[in-house]
């Protein structure tokens, strides 16, 4: 029997991977700037997901899901900037992070759509 998918664990794993990814950034002014942005946006979804689970209303829950989605999209753009600027030497790790981020974006797009369809 396979392990049950747990979105919170997946987001925590993603945040941990972002932290590890940051350690490999090229130590330039640009690398430091993008690292700081990505560290905030890439770890935020895990933290916000815990908050979303305690939403005060359906509207609040949906709003928090949209915040998570916004942070994931910001992280994906930061990963693309990192790639195009050659700010990280491990392209395999970079591609893995972009793929994981895209998968999470897809999950949250569907989650927001479903929550909105079910009404406030």
Protein backbone atom coordinates (compact mmCIF):
# COMPACT_ATOMS: atom_id res chain seq x y z
CA UNK A 1 0.00 0.00 0.00
CA UNK A 2 1.42 3.40 -1.06
CA UNK A 3 1.97 6.35 1.20
CA UNK A 4 -0.98 8.73 1.41
CA UNK A 5 -0.38 12.10 -0.27
CA UNK A 6 -0.12 14.81 2.36
CA UNK A 7 -0.09 18.34 0.95
CA UNK A 8 1.30 19.87 4.14
CA UNK A 9 4.24 17.44 4.13
CA UNK A 10 4.80 18.14 0.43
CA UNK A 11 4.91 21.89 1.09
CA UNK A 12 7.29 21.41 4.02
CA UNK A 13 9.54 19.24 1.84
CA UNK A 14 9.45 21.91 -0.88
CA UNK A 15 10.42 24.60 1.66
CA UNK A 16 13.30 22.44 2.90
CA UNK A 17 14.47 21.87 -0.69
CA UNK A 18 14.34 25.64 -1.35
CA UNK A 19 16.56 26.18 1.70
CA UNK A 20 19.05 23.58 0.45
CA UNK A 21 18.91 25.06 -3.05
CA UNK A 22 19.79 28.50 -1.66
CA UNK A 23 23.00 27.10 -0.19
CA UNK A 24 24.21 26.39 -3.73
CA UNK A 25 23.55 29.85 -5.16
CA UNK A 26 26.54 31.68 -6.62
CA UNK A 27 27.56 34.23 -3.97
CA UNK A 28 27.15 37.46 -5.96
CA UNK A 29 25.06 40.52 -5.21
CA UNK A 30 22.42 39.27 -7.67
CA UNK A 31 22.60 35.74 -6.26
CA UNK A 32 22.10 37.08 -2.75
CA UNK A 33 19.14 39.22 -3.82
CA UNK A 34 17.35 36.40 -5.67
CA UNK A 35 18.17 34.00 -2.82
CA UNK A 36 16.48 36.26 -0.30
CA UNK A 37 13.38 36.65 -2.46
CA UNK A 38 13.17 32.93 -3.20
CA UNK A 39 13.77 31.99 0.41
CA UNK A 40 10.76 34.08 1.48
CA UNK A 41 8.43 33.08 -1.35
CA UNK A 42 9.53 29.43 -1.41
CA UNK A 43 9.07 28.77 2.29
CA UNK A 44 5.91 30.86 2.66
CA UNK A 45 3.49 28.31 1.12
CA UNK A 46 4.14 25.74 3.86
CA UNK A 47 3.60 28.34 6.55
CA UNK A 48 0.50 29.78 4.90
CA UNK A 49 -1.01 26.34 4.36
CA UNK A 50 -1.14 25.79 8.11
CA UNK A 51 -2.90 29.13 8.42
CA UNK A 52 -5.34 28.27 5.59
CA UNK A 53 -6.41 25.13 7.40
CA UNK A 54 -7.64 27.34 10.22
CA UNK A 55 -9.49 29.75 7.95
CA UNK A 56 -12.25 31.68 9.68
CA UNK A 57 -14.61 31.21 6.74
CA UNK A 58 -14.66 29.68 3.27
CA UNK A 59 -13.81 33.13 1.85
CA UNK A 60 -10.82 33.39 4.22
CA UNK A 61 -9.72 29.85 3.27
CA UNK A 62 -9.87 30.69 -0.45
CA UNK A 63 -7.98 33.94 0.12
CA UNK A 64 -5.19 32.06 1.90
CA UNK A 65 -5.03 29.48 -0.91
CA UNK A 66 -4.63 32.36 -3.38
CA UNK A 67 -1.78 33.78 -1.27
CA UNK A 68 -0.07 30.38 -1.43
CA UNK A 69 -0.56 30.30 -5.21
CA UNK A 70 0.88 33.82 -5.54
CA UNK A 71 3.98 32.83 -3.53
CA UNK A 72 4.49 29.68 -5.60
CA UNK A 73 4.28 31.67 -8.83
CA UNK A 74 6.79 34.17 -7.45
CA UNK A 75 9.11 31.29 -6.57
CA UNK A 76 8.83 29.86 -10.08
CA UNK A 77 9.76 33.22 -11.62
CA UNK A 78 12.74 33.48 -9.24
CA UNK A 79 13.83 29.98 -10.31
CA UNK A 80 13.61 31.02 -13.97
CA UNK A 81 15.63 34.18 -13.29
CA UNK A 82 18.20 32.02 -11.49
CA UNK A 83 18.38 29.73 -14.49
CA UNK A 84 18.68 32.48 -17.10
CA UNK A 85 21.27 34.37 -15.05
CA UNK A 86 23.37 31.27 -14.32
CA UNK A 87 23.13 31.92 -10.57
CA UNK A 88 23.11 28.23 -9.60
CA UNK A 89 25.58 25.63 -10.88
CA UNK A 90 23.34 22.56 -10.41
CA UNK A 91 20.95 22.59 -13.38
CA UNK A 92 19.51 19.20 -12.43
CA UNK A 93 18.53 20.51 -8.98
CA UNK A 94 17.19 23.70 -10.58
CA UNK A 95 15.01 21.75 -13.02
CA UNK A 96 13.77 19.53 -10.19
CA UNK A 97 12.76 22.63 -8.21
CA UNK A 98 10.98 24.19 -11.21
CA UNK A 99 9.10 20.94 -11.84
CA UNK A 100 8.04 20.61 -8.19
CA UNK A 101 6.96 24.25 -8.10
CA UNK A 102 4.90 23.78 -11.29
CA UNK A 103 3.22 20.72 -9.78
CA UNK A 104 2.34 22.66 -6.63
CA UNK A 105 0.97 25.54 -8.71
CA UNK A 106 -1.27 23.08 -10.56
CA UNK A 107 -2.53 21.62 -7.28
CA UNK A 108 -3.39 25.06 -5.89
CA UNK A 109 -5.01 26.30 -9.11
CA UNK A 110 -7.30 23.27 -8.91
CA UNK A 111 -7.85 23.76 -5.17
CA UNK A 112 -8.87 27.41 -5.61
CA UNK A 113 -11.17 26.52 -8.51
CA UNK A 114 -12.82 23.73 -6.53
CA UNK A 115 -13.23 25.87 -3.40
CA UNK A 116 -14.75 28.72 -5.42
CA UNK A 117 -17.05 26.34 -7.28
CA UNK A 118 -18.33 25.03 -3.96
CA UNK A 119 -19.30 28.59 -3.03
CA UNK A 120 -18.50 30.87 -0.12
